[in-house]
């Protein structure tokens, strides 16, 4: 034998890195992202476009109610009520009036307030989308129901 090369056996490969640190890091990022998203949603609860709170928007609406057309009044009073419901913990911004009314039936609100809000939302939908008319008494009743809902809460 004239071959003097040293024949070595197979070399062991280093162990594959564990995916657990990467999974834990990803889970931590997801939890932090959800916490920030929830904080932002809670901060926005009760705010109407323009950053007004439900109470401030109601005050502006009461000041301008006589100058607004039926459709504009309907949209604005419905927005105030939805923001007021969000402040009280009822999900209302992404629901229809029927869904909100069904939720009010099982909520902890006073029955009279719940009926008033259900009537307000139905009347606002009719005026806003179907061209229904608002009389002065109906506007006053809807403003009173919105005032009872918002009632000093921010």
Protein backbone atom coordinates (compact mmCIF):
# COMPACT_ATOMS: atom_id res chain seq x y z
CA UNK A 1 0.00 0.00 0.00
CA UNK A 2 1.45 3.21 -1.07
CA UNK A 3 -1.53 5.43 -0.19
CA UNK A 4 -0.71 7.47 2.89
CA UNK A 5 -3.86 9.56 3.07
CA UNK A 6 -5.59 9.49 6.40
CA UNK A 7 -9.19 8.41 6.06
CA UNK A 8 -11.39 10.15 8.55
CA UNK A 9 -14.87 9.16 9.54
CA UNK A 10 -17.86 11.43 9.05
CA UNK A 11 -17.75 14.67 11.02
CA UNK A 12 -20.73 15.41 13.29
CA UNK A 13 -22.84 18.37 12.28
CA UNK A 14 -23.73 20.96 14.91
CA UNK A 15 -27.20 20.56 16.37
CA UNK A 16 -29.95 22.53 14.62
CA UNK A 17 -30.95 25.65 16.53
CA UNK A 18 -34.16 25.36 18.49
CA UNK A 19 -37.16 27.26 17.05
CA UNK A 20 -38.50 27.97 20.55
CA UNK A 21 -36.78 31.36 20.99
CA UNK A 22 -38.14 32.50 17.63
CA UNK A 23 -41.66 31.30 18.48
CA UNK A 24 -41.53 32.96 21.89
CA UNK A 25 -40.36 36.22 20.32
CA UNK A 26 -43.13 36.10 17.74
CA UNK A 27 -45.73 35.41 20.40
CA UNK A 28 -44.43 38.35 22.44
CA UNK A 29 -44.70 40.65 19.42
CA UNK A 30 -48.27 39.49 18.78
CA UNK A 31 -49.28 40.08 22.40
CA UNK A 32 -47.70 43.56 22.40
CA UNK A 33 -49.41 44.41 19.11
CA UNK A 34 -52.80 43.33 20.41
CA UNK A 35 -52.31 45.33 23.61
CA UNK A 36 -51.48 48.47 21.60
CA UNK A 37 -54.44 47.90 19.28
CA UNK A 38 -56.82 47.50 22.24
CA UNK A 39 -55.44 50.60 23.92
CA UNK A 40 -56.06 52.59 20.74
CA UNK A 41 -59.59 51.23 20.40
CA UNK A 42 -60.41 52.12 24.01
CA UNK A 43 -58.99 55.59 23.53
CA UNK A 44 -61.16 56.08 20.44
CA UNK A 45 -64.30 54.79 22.14
CA UNK A 46 -66.78 57.58 22.48
CA UNK A 47 -65.13 59.80 19.90
CA UNK A 48 -66.84 60.96 16.77
CA UNK A 49 -65.12 62.11 13.60
CA UNK A 50 -63.05 65.16 14.34
CA UNK A 51 -62.05 63.87 17.78
CA UNK A 52 -65.15 65.16 19.57
CA UNK A 53 -66.44 63.20 22.52
CA UNK A 54 -70.07 62.12 22.55
CA UNK A 55 -70.98 64.84 25.03
CA UNK A 56 -69.29 67.61 23.02
CA UNK A 57 -70.83 66.35 19.77
CA UNK A 58 -74.27 66.33 21.42
CA UNK A 59 -73.80 69.93 22.54
CA UNK A 60 -72.81 70.98 19.00
CA UNK A 61 -75.76 69.04 17.57
CA UNK A 62 -78.22 70.69 19.97
CA UNK A 63 -76.87 74.11 18.97
CA UNK A 64 -77.22 73.38 15.23
CA UNK A 65 -80.33 71.16 15.25
CA UNK A 66 -82.70 73.78 13.87
CA UNK A 67 -80.42 74.61 10.92
CA UNK A 68 -79.81 70.99 9.84
CA UNK A 69 -81.79 69.10 7.26
CA UNK A 70 -83.52 65.88 8.24
CA UNK A 71 -80.88 63.62 6.70
CA UNK A 72 -77.90 65.41 8.26
CA UNK A 73 -79.63 65.54 11.65
CA UNK A 74 -80.38 61.80 11.43
CA UNK A 75 -76.78 60.88 10.70
CA UNK A 76 -75.39 63.12 13.41
CA UNK A 77 -77.79 62.06 16.16
CA UNK A 78 -77.14 58.39 15.29
CA UNK A 79 -73.37 59.01 15.49
CA UNK A 80 -73.76 60.64 18.93
CA UNK A 81 -75.84 57.72 20.20
CA UNK A 82 -73.39 55.13 18.81
CA UNK A 83 -70.48 56.94 20.47
CA UNK A 84 -72.40 57.17 23.74
CA UNK A 85 -73.15 53.45 23.61
CA UNK A 86 -69.46 52.68 22.97
CA UNK A 87 -68.52 54.68 26.08
CA UNK A 88 -70.97 52.60 28.10
CA UNK A 89 -69.45 49.37 26.79
CA UNK A 90 -71.96 48.44 24.09
CA UNK A 91 -70.35 47.70 20.72
CA UNK A 92 -72.30 49.97 18.39
CA UNK A 93 -70.07 51.51 15.74
CA UNK A 94 -69.92 48.45 13.48
CA UNK A 95 -73.49 47.23 14.00
CA UNK A 96 -76.80 47.93 12.34
CA UNK A 97 -79.66 49.57 14.19
CA UNK A 98 -81.45 46.21 14.45
CA UNK A 99 -78.40 44.57 16.03
CA UNK A 100 -78.01 47.43 18.49
CA UNK A 101 -81.72 47.28 19.36
CA UNK A 102 -81.49 43.54 20.00
CA UNK A 103 -78.48 44.18 22.25
CA UNK A 104 -80.33 46.91 24.14
CA UNK A 105 -83.12 44.47 24.97
CA UNK A 106 -80.68 42.32 26.94
CA UNK A 107 -78.53 45.16 28.33
CA UNK A 108 -78.51 46.71 31.77
CA UNK A 109 -79.98 50.00 30.52
CA UNK A 110 -83.26 51.21 31.94
CA UNK A 111 -86.12 49.86 29.78
CA UNK A 112 -87.40 53.35 28.99
CA UNK A 113 -83.97 54.49 27.78
CA UNK A 114 -83.58 51.33 25.71
CA UNK A 115 -86.96 51.88 24.02
CA UNK A 116 -86.12 55.53 23.38
CA UNK A 117 -82.79 54.64 21.82
CA UNK A 118 -84.37 51.90 19.68
CA UNK A 119 -86.96 54.39 18.42
CA UNK A 120 -84.24 56.99 17.80
CA UNK A 121 -82.11 54.58 15.77
CA UNK A 122 -85.08 53.37 13.71
CA UNK A 123 -86.20 56.94 13.00
CA UNK A 124 -82.64 58.02 12.15
CA UNK A 125 -82.25 55.12 9.72
CA UNK A 126 -85.54 55.98 8.05
CA UNK A 127 -84.63 59.65 7.71
CA UNK A 128 -81.01 59.09 6.79
CA UNK A 129 -81.36 56.32 4.24
CA UNK A 130 -85.01 56.20 3.15
CA UNK A 131 -85.74 59.93 3.05
CA UNK A 132 -88.13 59.96 6.01
CA UNK A 133 -89.04 63.28 7.58
CA UNK A 134 -88.31 64.53 11.10
CA UNK A 135 -90.89 66.67 12.83
CA UNK A 136 -89.93 69.15 15.58
CA UNK A 137 -91.36 66.85 18.25
CA UNK A 138 -89.41 63.89 16.93
CA UNK A 139 -86.18 65.91 16.92
CA UNK A 140 -86.79 67.00 20.50
CA UNK A 141 -87.55 63.41 21.57
CA UNK A 142 -84.40 62.09 19.88
CA UNK A 143 -82.24 64.81 21.41
CA UNK A 144 -83.71 64.02 24.82
CA UNK A 145 -82.95 60.31 24.40
CA UNK A 146 -79.38 61.10 23.29
CA UNK A 147 -78.98 63.49 26.24
CA UNK A 148 -80.21 60.79 28.64
CA UNK A 149 -77.69 58.34 27.20
CA UNK A 150 -74.70 60.67 27.19
CA UNK A 151 -75.82 62.37 30.42
CA UNK A 152 -72.63 63.97 31.61
CA UNK A 153 -70.29 61.17 30.59
CA UNK A 154 -67.34 62.15 28.38
